[in-house]
């Protein structure tokens, strides 16, 4: 059992001390922005995916405090119709003969 614990403790991220993982810095912390405004739509669009989802901290590089503010600002902007809830454009799945579950043919019941 002692051998298993030492093997688990020795496992580290690939790269080790030589290949340091570069940490992203929060854009808002760099510019010393305390509050994120929901009316600044151009800035908020950077934190929304093509489908309209709010991007995660891992992708945006924002700190926890600012990521919470981003999410709140995006939700407020959506409520005020400044940002869309979903992406605009054509249906990605296409018609292809498939129907949604709600569109099933029930037959003669």
PDB file of N, CA and C in Angstrom:
ATOM      1  N   UNK A   1       0.808  -1.188   0.000  1.00  0.00           N
ATOM      2  CA  UNK A   1       0.000   0.000   0.000  1.00  0.00           C
ATOM      3  C   UNK A   1       0.857   1.260   0.000  1.00  0.00           C
ATOM      4  N   UNK A   2       1.981   1.205   0.675  1.00  0.00           N
ATOM      5  CA  UNK A   2       2.852   2.369   0.726  1.00  0.00           C
ATOM      6  C   UNK A   2       3.392   2.676  -0.663  1.00  0.00           C
ATOM      7  N   UNK A   3       3.651   1.626  -1.430  1.00  0.00           N
ATOM      8  CA  UNK A   3       4.175   1.819  -2.773  1.00  0.00           C
ATOM      9  C   UNK A   3       3.142   2.524  -3.656  1.00  0.00           C
ATOM     10  N   UNK A   4       1.855   2.164  -3.517  1.00  0.00           N
ATOM     11  CA  UNK A   4       0.810   2.789  -4.322  1.00  0.00           C
ATOM     12  C   UNK A   4       0.688   4.277  -4.008  1.00  0.00           C
ATOM     13  N   UNK A   5       0.793   4.635  -2.730  1.00  0.00           N
ATOM     14  CA  UNK A   5       0.680   6.045  -2.351  1.00  0.00           C
ATOM     15  C   UNK A   5       1.835   6.860  -2.920  1.00  0.00           C
ATOM     16  N   UNK A   6       3.037   6.310  -2.888  1.00  0.00           N
ATOM     17  CA  UNK A   6       4.177   7.069  -3.404  1.00  0.00           C
ATOM     18  C   UNK A   6       4.070   7.239  -4.908  1.00  0.00           C
ATOM     19  N   UNK A   7       3.535   6.230  -5.596  1.00  0.00           N
ATOM     20  CA  UNK A   7       3.365   6.363  -7.037  1.00  0.00           C
ATOM     21  C   UNK A   7       2.321   7.422  -7.370  1.00  0.00           C
ATOM     22  N   UNK A   8       1.243   7.480  -6.580  1.00  0.00           N
ATOM     23  CA  UNK A   8       0.224   8.484  -6.825  1.00  0.00           C
ATOM     24  C   UNK A   8       0.744   9.882  -6.536  1.00  0.00           C
ATOM     25  N   UNK A   9       1.565  10.012  -5.503  1.00  0.00           N
ATOM     26  CA  UNK A   9       2.103  11.313  -5.165  1.00  0.00           C
ATOM     27  C   UNK A   9       3.107  11.794  -6.197  1.00  0.00           C
ATOM     28  N   UNK A  10       3.780  10.867  -6.860  1.00  0.00           N
ATOM     29  CA  UNK A  10       4.794  11.243  -7.831  1.00  0.00           C
ATOM     30  C   UNK A  10       4.183  11.686  -9.158  1.00  0.00           C
ATOM     31  N   UNK A  11       2.946  11.328  -9.411  1.00  0.00           N
ATOM     32  CA  UNK A  11       2.313  11.729 -10.670  1.00  0.00           C
ATOM     33  C   UNK A  11       2.093  13.229 -10.663  1.00  0.00           C
ATOM     34  N   UNK A  12       2.527  13.856 -11.705  1.00  0.00           N
ATOM     35  CA  UNK A  12       2.362  15.299 -11.835  1.00  0.00           C
ATOM     36  C   UNK A  12       1.911  15.614 -13.242  1.00  0.00           C
ATOM     37  N   UNK A  13       1.590  16.847 -13.440  1.00  0.00           N
ATOM     38  CA  UNK A  13       1.187  17.266 -14.781  1.00  0.00           C
ATOM     39  C   UNK A  13       2.346  17.116 -15.745  1.00  0.00           C
ATOM     40  N   UNK A  14       2.029  16.804 -16.999  1.00  0.00           N
ATOM     41  CA  UNK A  14       3.109  16.707 -17.979  1.00  0.00           C
ATOM     42  C   UNK A  14       3.803  18.053 -18.143  1.00  0.00           C
ATOM     43  N   UNK A  15       5.073  18.011 -18.318  1.00  0.00           N
ATOM     44  CA  UNK A  15       5.827  19.242 -18.474  1.00  0.00           C
ATOM     45  C   UNK A  15       6.657  19.537 -17.247  1.00  0.00           C
ATOM     46  N   UNK A  16       6.060  19.302 -16.080  1.00  0.00           N
ATOM     47  CA  UNK A  16       6.783  19.487 -14.834  1.00  0.00           C
ATOM     48  C   UNK A  16       7.299  20.902 -14.662  1.00  0.00           C
ATOM     49  N   UNK A  17       8.356  21.054 -13.857  1.00  0.00           N
ATOM     50  CA  UNK A  17       8.886  22.390 -13.582  1.00  0.00           C
ATOM     51  C   UNK A  17       9.495  23.050 -14.815  1.00  0.00           C
ATOM     52  N   UNK A  18       9.979  22.241 -15.764  1.00  0.00           N
ATOM     53  CA  UNK A  18      10.616  22.830 -16.935  1.00  0.00           C
ATOM     54  C   UNK A  18       9.586  23.520 -17.830  1.00  0.00           C
ATOM     55  N   UNK A  19       8.476  22.864 -18.081  1.00  0.00           N
ATOM     56  CA  UNK A  19       7.456  23.405 -18.974  1.00  0.00           C
ATOM     57  C   UNK A  19       6.318  24.030 -18.179  1.00  0.00           C
ATOM     58  N   UNK A  20       6.554  25.174 -17.623  1.00  0.00           N
ATOM     59  CA  UNK A  20       5.539  25.835 -16.814  1.00  0.00           C
ATOM     60  C   UNK A  20       4.318  26.158 -17.666  1.00  0.00           C
ATOM     61  N   UNK A  21       3.141  25.943 -17.105  1.00  0.00           N
ATOM     62  CA  UNK A  21       1.900  26.256 -17.790  1.00  0.00           C
ATOM     63  C   UNK A  21       1.658  27.751 -17.644  1.00  0.00           C
ATOM     64  N   UNK A  22       1.494  28.424 -18.768  1.00  0.00           N
ATOM     65  CA  UNK A  22       1.298  29.860 -18.736  1.00  0.00           C
ATOM     66  C   UNK A  22      -0.121  30.162 -18.295  1.00  0.00           C
ATOM     67  N   UNK A  23      -0.255  30.910 -17.237  1.00  0.00           N
ATOM     68  CA  UNK A  23      -1.565  31.215 -16.691  1.00  0.00           C
ATOM     69  C   UNK A  23      -2.112  32.457 -17.368  1.00  0.00           C
ATOM     70  N   UNK A  24      -3.387  32.412 -17.733  1.00  0.00           N
ATOM     71  CA  UNK A  24      -4.023  33.578 -18.331  1.00  0.00           C
ATOM     72  C   UNK A  24      -4.338  34.587 -17.242  1.00  0.00           C
ATOM     73  N   UNK A  25      -4.152  35.829 -17.559  1.00  0.00           N
ATOM     74  CA  UNK A  25      -4.473  36.876 -16.616  1.00  0.00           C
ATOM     75  C   UNK A  25      -5.837  37.448 -16.955  1.00  0.00           C
ATOM     76  N   UNK A  26      -6.545  37.840 -15.926  1.00  0.00           N
ATOM     77  CA  UNK A  26      -7.878  38.393 -16.098  1.00  0.00           C
ATOM     78  C   UNK A  26      -7.779  39.771 -16.755  1.00  0.00           C
ATOM     79  N   UNK A  27      -8.523  39.965 -17.818  1.00  0.00           N
ATOM     80  CA  UNK A  27      -8.532  41.229 -18.554  1.00  0.00           C
ATOM     81  C   UNK A  27      -9.002  42.363 -17.649  1.00  0.00           C
ATOM     82  N   UNK A  28      -9.997  42.107 -16.834  1.00  0.00           N
ATOM     83  CA  UNK A  28     -10.583  43.136 -15.984  1.00  0.00           C
ATOM     84  C   UNK A  28      -9.660  43.484 -14.815  1.00  0.00           C
ATOM     85  N   UNK A  29      -8.924  42.514 -14.309  1.00  0.00           N
ATOM     86  CA  UNK A  29      -7.969  42.799 -13.242  1.00  0.00           C
ATOM     87  C   UNK A  29      -6.805  43.636 -13.774  1.00  0.00           C
ATOM     88  N   UNK A  30      -6.371  43.348 -14.996  1.00  0.00           N
ATOM     89  CA  UNK A  30      -5.280  44.121 -15.597  1.00  0.00           C
ATOM     90  C   UNK A  30      -5.663  45.586 -15.737  1.00  0.00           C
ATOM     91  N   UNK A  31      -6.870  45.828 -16.225  1.00  0.00           N
ATOM     92  CA  UNK A  31      -7.336  47.203 -16.458  1.00  0.00           C
ATOM     93  C   UNK A  31      -7.953  47.828 -15.214  1.00  0.00           C
ATOM     94  N   UNK A  32      -7.939  47.093 -14.106  1.00  0.00           N
ATOM     95  CA  UNK A  32      -8.483  47.569 -12.827  1.00  0.00           C
ATOM     96  C   UNK A  32      -9.944  48.000 -12.957  1.00  0.00           C
ATOM     97  N   UNK A  33     -10.736  47.143 -13.608  1.00  0.00           N
ATOM     98  CA  UNK A  33     -12.173  47.377 -13.752  1.00  0.00           C
ATOM     99  C   UNK A  33     -12.866  46.671 -12.592  1.00  0.00           C
ATOM    100  N   UNK A  34     -13.564  47.440 -11.771  1.00  0.00           N
ATOM    101  CA  UNK A  34     -14.205  46.874 -10.583  1.00  0.00           C
ATOM    102  C   UNK A  34     -15.536  46.228 -10.921  1.00  0.00           C
ATOM    103  N   UNK A  35     -16.361  46.901 -11.703  1.00  0.00           N
ATOM    104  CA  UNK A  35     -17.693  46.406 -12.047  1.00  0.00           C
ATOM    105  C   UNK A  35     -17.822  46.285 -13.559  1.00  0.00           C
ATOM    106  N   UNK A  36     -18.504  45.241 -14.009  1.00  0.00           N
ATOM    107  CA  UNK A  36     -18.744  45.023 -15.432  1.00  0.00           C
ATOM    108  C   UNK A  36     -20.142  45.504 -15.757  1.00  0.00           C
ATOM    109  N   UNK A  37     -20.248  46.359 -16.772  1.00  0.00           N
ATOM    110  CA  UNK A  37     -21.517  46.973 -17.130  1.00  0.00           C
ATOM    111  C   UNK A  37     -22.240  46.123 -18.166  1.00  0.00           C
ATOM    112  N   UNK A  38     -23.513  45.843 -17.927  1.00  0.00           N
ATOM    113  CA  UNK A  38     -24.293  45.028 -18.862  1.00  0.00           C
ATOM    114  C   UNK A  38     -24.593  45.777 -20.146  1.00  0.00           C
ATOM    115  N   UNK A  39     -24.455  47.098 -20.146  1.00  0.00           N
ATOM    116  CA  UNK A  39     -24.748  47.892 -21.347  1.00  0.00           C
ATOM    117  C   UNK A  39     -23.595  47.895 -22.341  1.00  0.00           C
ATOM    118  N   UNK A  40     -22.422  47.447 -21.915  1.00  0.00           N
ATOM    119  CA  UNK A  40     -21.265  47.384 -22.803  1.00  0.00           C
ATOM    120  C   UNK A  40     -21.311  46.063 -23.570  1.00  0.00           C
ATOM    121  N   UNK A  41     -22.139  46.028 -24.594  1.00  0.00           N
ATOM    122  CA  UNK A  41     -22.432  44.789 -25.322  1.00  0.00           C
ATOM    123  C   UNK A  41     -21.219  44.286 -26.097  1.00  0.00           C
ATOM    124  N   UNK A  42     -20.448  45.192 -26.679  1.00  0.00           N
ATOM    125  CA  UNK A  42     -19.281  44.766 -27.463  1.00  0.00           C
ATOM    126  C   UNK A  42     -18.279  44.012 -26.601  1.00  0.00           C
ATOM    127  N   UNK A  43     -18.102  44.434 -25.380  1.00  0.00           N
ATOM    128  CA  UNK A  43     -17.194  43.744 -24.478  1.00  0.00           C
ATOM    129  C   UNK A  43     -17.754  42.392 -24.059  1.00  0.00           C
ATOM    130  N   UNK A  44     -19.064  42.312 -23.836  1.00  0.00           N
ATOM    131  CA  UNK A  44     -19.680  41.064 -23.391  1.00  0.00           C
ATOM    132  C   UNK A  44     -19.714  40.011 -24.491  1.00  0.00           C
ATOM    133  N   UNK A  45     -19.738  40.427 -25.741  1.00  0.00           N
ATOM    134  CA  UNK A  45     -19.772  39.464 -26.853  1.00  0.00           C
ATOM    135  C   UNK A  45     -18.534  38.577 -26.880  1.00  0.00           C
ATOM    136  N   UNK A  46     -17.425  39.055 -26.337  1.00  0.00           N
ATOM    137  CA  UNK A  46     -16.196  38.256 -26.277  1.00  0.00           C
ATOM    138  C   UNK A  46     -16.378  37.042 -25.386  1.00  0.00           C
ATOM    139  N   UNK A  47     -17.313  37.099 -24.464  1.00  0.00           N
ATOM    140  CA  UNK A  47     -17.501  36.041 -23.475  1.00  0.00           C
ATOM    141  C   UNK A  47     -18.699  35.157 -23.782  1.00  0.00           C
ATOM    142  N   UNK A  48     -19.204  35.242 -25.010  1.00  0.00           N
ATOM    143  CA  UNK A  48     -20.327  34.416 -25.443  1.00  0.00           C
ATOM    144  C   UNK A  48     -19.895  33.619 -26.662  1.00  0.00           C
ATOM    145  N   UNK A  49     -20.249  32.337 -26.711  1.00  0.00           N
ATOM    146  CA  UNK A  49     -19.875  31.487 -27.844  1.00  0.00           C
ATOM    147  C   UNK A  49     -20.754  31.796 -29.053  1.00  0.00           C
ATOM    148  N   UNK A  50     -20.450  31.140 -30.152  1.00  0.00           N
ATOM    149  CA  UNK A  50     -21.214  31.339 -31.388  1.00  0.00           C
ATOM    150  C   UNK A  50     -22.659  30.883 -31.223  1.00  0.00           C
ATOM    151  N   UNK A  51     -22.864  29.900 -30.356  1.00  0.00           N
ATOM    152  CA  UNK A  51     -24.213  29.393 -30.114  1.00  0.00           C
ATOM    153  C   UNK A  51     -24.977  30.237 -29.106  1.00  0.00           C
ATOM    154  N   UNK A  52     -24.286  31.159 -28.445  1.00  0.00           N
ATOM    155  CA  UNK A  52     -24.943  32.024 -27.480  1.00  0.00           C
ATOM    156  C   UNK A  52     -24.717  31.629 -26.042  1.00  0.00           C
ATOM    157  N   UNK A  53     -23.878  30.634 -25.801  1.00  0.00           N
ATOM    158  CA  UNK A  53     -23.605  30.200 -24.427  1.00  0.00           C
ATOM    159  C   UNK A  53     -22.520  31.079 -23.811  1.00  0.00           C
ATOM    160  N   UNK A  54     -22.589  31.215 -22.487  1.00  0.00           N
ATOM    161  CA  UNK A  54     -21.562  31.956 -21.760  1.00  0.00           C
ATOM    162  C   UNK A  54     -20.339  31.056 -21.657  1.00  0.00           C
ATOM    163  N   UNK A  55     -19.185  31.573 -22.071  1.00  0.00           N
ATOM    164  CA  UNK A  55     -17.968  30.774 -22.031  1.00  0.00           C
ATOM    165  C   UNK A  55     -17.456  30.629 -20.609  1.00  0.00           C
ATOM    166  N   UNK A  56     -16.761  29.533 -20.345  1.00  0.00           N
ATOM    167  CA  UNK A  56     -16.284  29.229 -18.992  1.00  0.00           C
ATOM    168  C   UNK A  56     -15.016  30.017 -18.670  1.00  0.00           C
ATOM    169  N   UNK A  57     -14.679  30.023 -17.396  1.00  0.00           N
ATOM    170  CA  UNK A  57     -13.469  30.698 -16.936  1.00  0.00           C
ATOM    171  C   UNK A  57     -12.227  30.131 -17.581  1.00  0.00           C
ATOM    172  N   UNK A  58     -12.237  28.845 -17.772  1.00  0.00           N
ATOM    173  CA  UNK A  58     -11.079  28.170 -18.373  1.00  0.00           C
ATOM    174  C   UNK A  58     -10.789  28.721 -19.758  1.00  0.00           C
ATOM    175  N   UNK A  59     -11.830  29.063 -20.494  1.00  0.00           N
ATOM    176  CA  UNK A  59     -11.667  29.571 -21.853  1.00  0.00           C
ATOM    177  C   UNK A  59     -11.441  31.081 -21.857  1.00  0.00           C
ATOM    178  N   UNK A  60     -12.186  31.825 -21.051  1.00  0.00           N
ATOM    179  CA  UNK A  60     -12.089  33.279 -21.071  1.00  0.00           C
ATOM    180  C   UNK A  60     -10.841  33.790 -20.376  1.00  0.00           C
ATOM    181  N   UNK A  61     -10.367  33.076 -19.360  1.00  0.00           N
ATOM    182  CA  UNK A  61      -9.200  33.525 -18.620  1.00  0.00           C
ATOM    183  C   UNK A  61      -9.546  34.541 -17.549  1.00  0.00           C
ATOM    184  N   UNK A  62     -10.819  34.738 -17.289  1.00  0.00           N
ATOM    185  CA  UNK A  62     -11.229  35.688 -16.263  1.00  0.00           C
ATOM    186  C   UNK A  62     -11.089  35.059 -14.886  1.00  0.00           C
ATOM    187  N   UNK A  63     -10.869  35.908 -13.888  1.00  0.00           N
ATOM    188  CA  UNK A  63     -10.807  35.402 -12.518  1.00  0.00           C
ATOM    189  C   UNK A  63     -12.226  35.066 -12.064  1.00  0.00           C
ATOM    190  N   UNK A  64     -12.326  34.410 -10.915  1.00  0.00           N
ATOM    191  CA  UNK A  64     -13.629  33.944 -10.444  1.00  0.00           C
ATOM    192  C   UNK A  64     -14.585  35.105 -10.215  1.00  0.00           C
ATOM    193  N   UNK A  65     -14.092  36.155  -9.569  1.00  0.00           N
ATOM    194  CA  UNK A  65     -14.938  37.313  -9.259  1.00  0.00           C
ATOM    195  C   UNK A  65     -15.499  37.955 -10.521  1.00  0.00           C
ATOM    196  N   UNK A  66     -14.632  38.151 -11.511  1.00  0.00           N
ATOM    197  CA  UNK A  66     -15.087  38.801 -12.738  1.00  0.00           C
ATOM    198  C   UNK A  66     -15.925  37.864 -13.603  1.00  0.00           C
ATOM    199  N   UNK A  67     -15.672  36.565 -13.542  1.00  0.00           N
ATOM    200  CA  UNK A  67     -16.494  35.630 -14.312  1.00  0.00           C
ATOM    201  C   UNK A  67     -17.930  35.640 -13.814  1.00  0.00           C
ATOM    202  N   UNK A  68     -18.119  35.751 -12.505  1.00  0.00           N
ATOM    203  CA  UNK A  68     -19.467  35.844 -11.942  1.00  0.00           C
ATOM    204  C   UNK A  68     -20.135  37.124 -12.426  1.00  0.00           C
ATOM    205  N   UNK A  69     -19.379  38.218 -12.446  1.00  0.00           N
ATOM    206  CA  UNK A  69     -19.922  39.489 -12.927  1.00  0.00           C
ATOM    207  C   UNK A  69     -20.238  39.432 -14.414  1.00  0.00           C
ATOM    208  N   UNK A  70     -19.412  38.734 -15.193  1.00  0.00           N
ATOM    209  CA  UNK A  70     -19.671  38.577 -16.631  1.00  0.00           C
ATOM    210  C   UNK A  70     -20.980  37.839 -16.843  1.00  0.00           C
ATOM    211  N   UNK A  71     -21.145  36.735 -16.122  1.00  0.00           N
ATOM    212  CA  UNK A  71     -22.366  35.936 -16.271  1.00  0.00           C
ATOM    213  C   UNK A  71     -23.597  36.756 -15.907  1.00  0.00           C
ATOM    214  N   UNK A  72     -23.505  37.518 -14.829  1.00  0.00           N
ATOM    215  CA  UNK A  72     -24.632  38.343 -14.400  1.00  0.00           C
ATOM    216  C   UNK A  72     -24.923  39.437 -15.424  1.00  0.00           C
ATOM    217  N   UNK A  73     -23.877  40.050 -15.962  1.00  0.00           N
ATOM    218  CA  UNK A  73     -24.060  41.113 -16.955  1.00  0.00           C
ATOM    219  C   UNK A  73     -24.663  40.567 -18.244  1.00  0.00           C
ATOM    220  N   UNK A  74     -24.220  39.366 -18.664  1.00  0.00           N
ATOM    221  CA  UNK A  74     -24.772  38.753 -19.874  1.00  0.00           C
ATOM    222  C   UNK A  74     -26.251  38.443 -19.683  1.00  0.00           C
ATOM    223  N   UNK A  75     -26.596  37.923 -18.512  1.00  0.00           N
ATOM    224  CA  UNK A  75     -27.999  37.599 -18.232  1.00  0.00           C
ATOM    225  C   UNK A  75     -28.859  38.855 -18.212  1.00  0.00           C
ATOM    226  N   UNK A  76     -28.331  39.932 -17.645  1.00  0.00           N
ATOM    227  CA  UNK A  76     -29.078  41.194 -17.643  1.00  0.00           C
ATOM    228  C   UNK A  76     -29.219  41.756 -19.043  1.00  0.00           C
ATOM    229  N   UNK A  77     -28.159  41.675 -19.821  1.00  0.00           N
ATOM    230  CA  UNK A  77     -28.207  42.183 -21.193  1.00  0.00           C
ATOM    231  C   UNK A  77     -29.192  41.372 -22.043  1.00  0.00           C
ATOM    232  N   UNK A  78     -29.264  40.075 -21.803  1.00  0.00           N
ATOM    233  CA  UNK A  78     -30.246  39.250 -22.509  1.00  0.00           C
ATOM    234  C   UNK A  78     -31.660  39.655 -22.129  1.00  0.00           C
ATOM    235  N   UNK A  79     -31.873  39.894 -20.846  1.00  0.00           N
ATOM    236  CA  UNK A  79     -33.200  40.279 -20.365  1.00  0.00           C
ATOM    237  C   UNK A  79     -33.642  41.618 -20.959  1.00  0.00           C
ATOM    238  N   UNK A  80     -32.685  42.519 -21.167  1.00  0.00           N
ATOM    239  CA  UNK A  80     -32.987  43.827 -21.741  1.00  0.00           C
ATOM    240  C   UNK A  80     -32.952  43.799 -23.275  1.00  0.00           C
ATOM    241  N   UNK A  81     -32.792  42.628 -23.854  1.00  0.00           N
ATOM    242  CA  UNK A  81     -32.768  42.413 -25.313  1.00  0.00           C
ATOM    243  C   UNK A  81     -31.577  43.095 -25.979  1.00  0.00           C
ATOM    244  N   UNK A  82     -30.472  43.217 -25.249  1.00  0.00           N
ATOM    245  CA  UNK A  82     -29.245  43.735 -25.839  1.00  0.00           C
ATOM    246  C   UNK A  82     -28.407  42.610 -26.435  1.00  0.00           C
ATOM    247  N   UNK A  83     -28.549  41.409 -25.877  1.00  0.00           N
ATOM    248  CA  UNK A  83     -27.858  40.221 -26.377  1.00  0.00           C
ATOM    249  C   UNK A  83     -28.889  39.128 -26.626  1.00  0.00           C
ATOM    250  N   UNK A  84     -28.646  38.273 -27.621  1.00  0.00           N
ATOM    251  CA  UNK A  84     -29.590  37.180 -27.880  1.00  0.00           C
ATOM    252  C   UNK A  84     -29.396  36.030 -26.893  1.00  0.00           C
ATOM    253  N   UNK A  85     -30.470  35.302 -26.656  1.00  0.00           N
ATOM    254  CA  UNK A  85     -30.380  34.101 -25.825  1.00  0.00           C
ATOM    255  C   UNK A  85     -29.732  32.966 -26.601  1.00  0.00           C
ATOM    256  N   UNK A  86     -30.044  32.865 -27.886  1.00  0.00           N
ATOM    257  CA  UNK A  86     -29.487  31.822 -28.745  1.00  0.00           C
ATOM    258  C   UNK A  86     -28.900  32.471 -29.983  1.00  0.00           C
ATOM    259  N   UNK A  87     -28.095  31.698 -30.714  1.00  0.00           N
ATOM    260  CA  UNK A  87     -27.455  32.206 -31.920  1.00  0.00           C
ATOM    261  C   UNK A  87     -28.486  32.410 -33.020  1.00  0.00           C
ATOM    262  N   UNK A  88     -28.224  33.409 -33.819  1.00  0.00           N
ATOM    263  CA  UNK A  88     -29.081  33.648 -34.975  1.00  0.00           C
ATOM    264  C   UNK A  88     -28.563  32.818 -36.143  1.00  0.00           C
ATOM    265  N   UNK A  89     -29.440  32.500 -37.082  1.00  0.00           N
ATOM    266  CA  UNK A  89     -28.993  31.772 -38.260  1.00  0.00           C
ATOM    267  C   UNK A  89     -29.855  30.568 -38.536  1.00  0.00           C
ATOM    268  N   UNK A  90     -29.375  29.748 -39.473  1.00  0.00           N
ATOM    269  CA  UNK A  90     -30.143  28.590 -39.900  1.00  0.00           C
ATOM    270  C   UNK A  90     -30.003  27.447 -38.911  1.00  0.00           C
ATOM    271  N   UNK A  91     -30.908  26.475 -39.042  1.00  0.00           N
ATOM    272  CA  UNK A  91     -30.888  25.296 -38.188  1.00  0.00           C
ATOM    273  C   UNK A  91     -29.718  24.416 -38.592  1.00  0.00           C
ATOM    274  N   UNK A  92     -28.841  24.083 -37.650  1.00  0.00           N
ATOM    275  CA  UNK A  92     -27.639  23.312 -37.965  1.00  0.00           C
ATOM    276  C   UNK A  92     -27.953  21.859 -38.294  1.00  0.00           C
ATOM    277  N   UNK A  93     -28.993  21.315 -37.668  1.00  0.00           N
ATOM    278  CA  UNK A  93     -29.291  19.901 -37.878  1.00  0.00           C
ATOM    279  C   UNK A  93     -29.878  19.653 -39.263  1.00  0.00           C
ATOM    280  N   UNK A  94     -30.540  20.634 -39.823  1.00  0.00           N
ATOM    281  CA  UNK A  94     -31.158  20.447 -41.128  1.00  0.00           C
ATOM    282  C   UNK A  94     -32.438  19.655 -41.012  1.00  0.00           C
ATOM    283  N   UNK A  95     -33.182  19.573 -42.100  1.00  0.00           N
ATOM    284  CA  UNK A  95     -34.464  18.872 -42.045  1.00  0.00           C
ATOM    285  C   UNK A  95     -34.276  17.373 -42.165  1.00  0.00           C
ATOM    286  N   UNK A  96     -33.404  16.864 -42.941  1.00  0.00           N
ATOM    287  CA  UNK A  96     -33.002  15.470 -43.053  1.00  0.00           C
ATOM    288  C   UNK A  96     -34.029  14.403 -42.723  1.00  0.00           C
ATOM    289  N   UNK A  97     -35.301  14.742 -42.660  1.00  0.00           N
ATOM    290  CA  UNK A  97     -36.316  13.753 -42.391  1.00  0.00           C
ATOM    291  C   UNK A  97     -36.499  13.433 -40.927  1.00  0.00           C
ATOM    292  N   UNK A  98     -35.674  13.983 -40.066  1.00  0.00           N
ATOM    293  CA  UNK A  98     -35.799  13.709 -38.633  1.00  0.00           C
ATOM    294  C   UNK A  98     -36.757  14.708 -38.011  1.00  0.00           C
ATOM    295  N   UNK A  99     -37.489  14.220 -37.029  1.00  0.00           N
ATOM    296  CA  UNK A  99     -38.423  15.082 -36.319  1.00  0.00           C
ATOM    297  C   UNK A  99     -38.086  15.086 -34.847  1.00  0.00           C
ATOM    298  N   UNK A 100     -38.481  16.142 -34.165  1.00  0.00           N
ATOM    299  CA  UNK A 100     -38.291  16.196 -32.725  1.00  0.00           C
ATOM    300  C   UNK A 100     -39.255  15.232 -32.058  1.00  0.00           C
ATOM    301  N   UNK A 101     -39.026  14.940 -30.794  1.00  0.00           N
ATOM    302  CA  UNK A 101     -39.881  14.002 -30.077  1.00  0.00           C
ATOM    303  C   UNK A 101     -41.314  14.491 -30.007  1.00  0.00           C
ATOM    304  N   UNK A 102     -41.505  15.782 -29.881  1.00  0.00           N
ATOM    305  CA  UNK A 102     -42.851  16.323 -29.781  1.00  0.00           C
ATOM    306  C   UNK A 102     -43.635  16.226 -31.081  1.00  0.00           C
ATOM    307  N   UNK A 103     -42.938  15.965 -32.189  1.00  0.00           N
ATOM    308  CA  UNK A 103     -43.598  15.917 -33.494  1.00  0.00           C
ATOM    309  C   UNK A 103     -43.901  14.492 -33.946  1.00  0.00           C
ATOM    310  N   UNK A 104     -43.837  13.524 -33.047  1.00  0.00           N
ATOM    311  CA  UNK A 104     -44.097  12.136 -33.442  1.00  0.00           C
ATOM    312  C   UNK A 104     -45.522  11.966 -33.931  1.00  0.00           C
ATOM    313  N   UNK A 105     -45.648  11.077 -34.871  1.00  0.00           N
ATOM    314  CA  UNK A 105     -46.974  10.756 -35.361  1.00  0.00           C
ATOM    315  C   UNK A 105     -47.595   9.755 -34.396  1.00  0.00           C
ATOM    316  N   UNK A 106     -48.688  10.113 -33.760  1.00  0.00           N
ATOM    317  CA  UNK A 106     -49.298   9.280 -32.735  1.00  0.00           C
ATOM    318  C   UNK A 106     -50.196   8.188 -33.312  1.00  0.00           C
ATOM    319  N   UNK A 107     -50.537   8.316 -34.562  1.00  0.00           N
ATOM    320  CA  UNK A 107     -51.408   7.312 -35.161  1.00  0.00           C
ATOM    321  C   UNK A 107     -52.861   7.531 -34.781  1.00  0.00           C
ATOM    322  N   UNK A 108     -53.677   6.499 -34.868  1.00  0.00           N
ATOM    323  CA  UNK A 108     -55.108   6.602 -34.529  1.00  0.00           C
ATOM    324  C   UNK A 108     -55.304   6.210 -33.080  1.00  0.00           C
ATOM    325  N   UNK A 109     -55.386   7.167 -32.218  1.00  0.00           N
ATOM    326  CA  UNK A 109     -55.621   6.874 -30.800  1.00  0.00           C
ATOM    327  C   UNK A 109     -56.927   7.429 -30.376  1.00  0.00           C
TER     328      UNK A 109
END
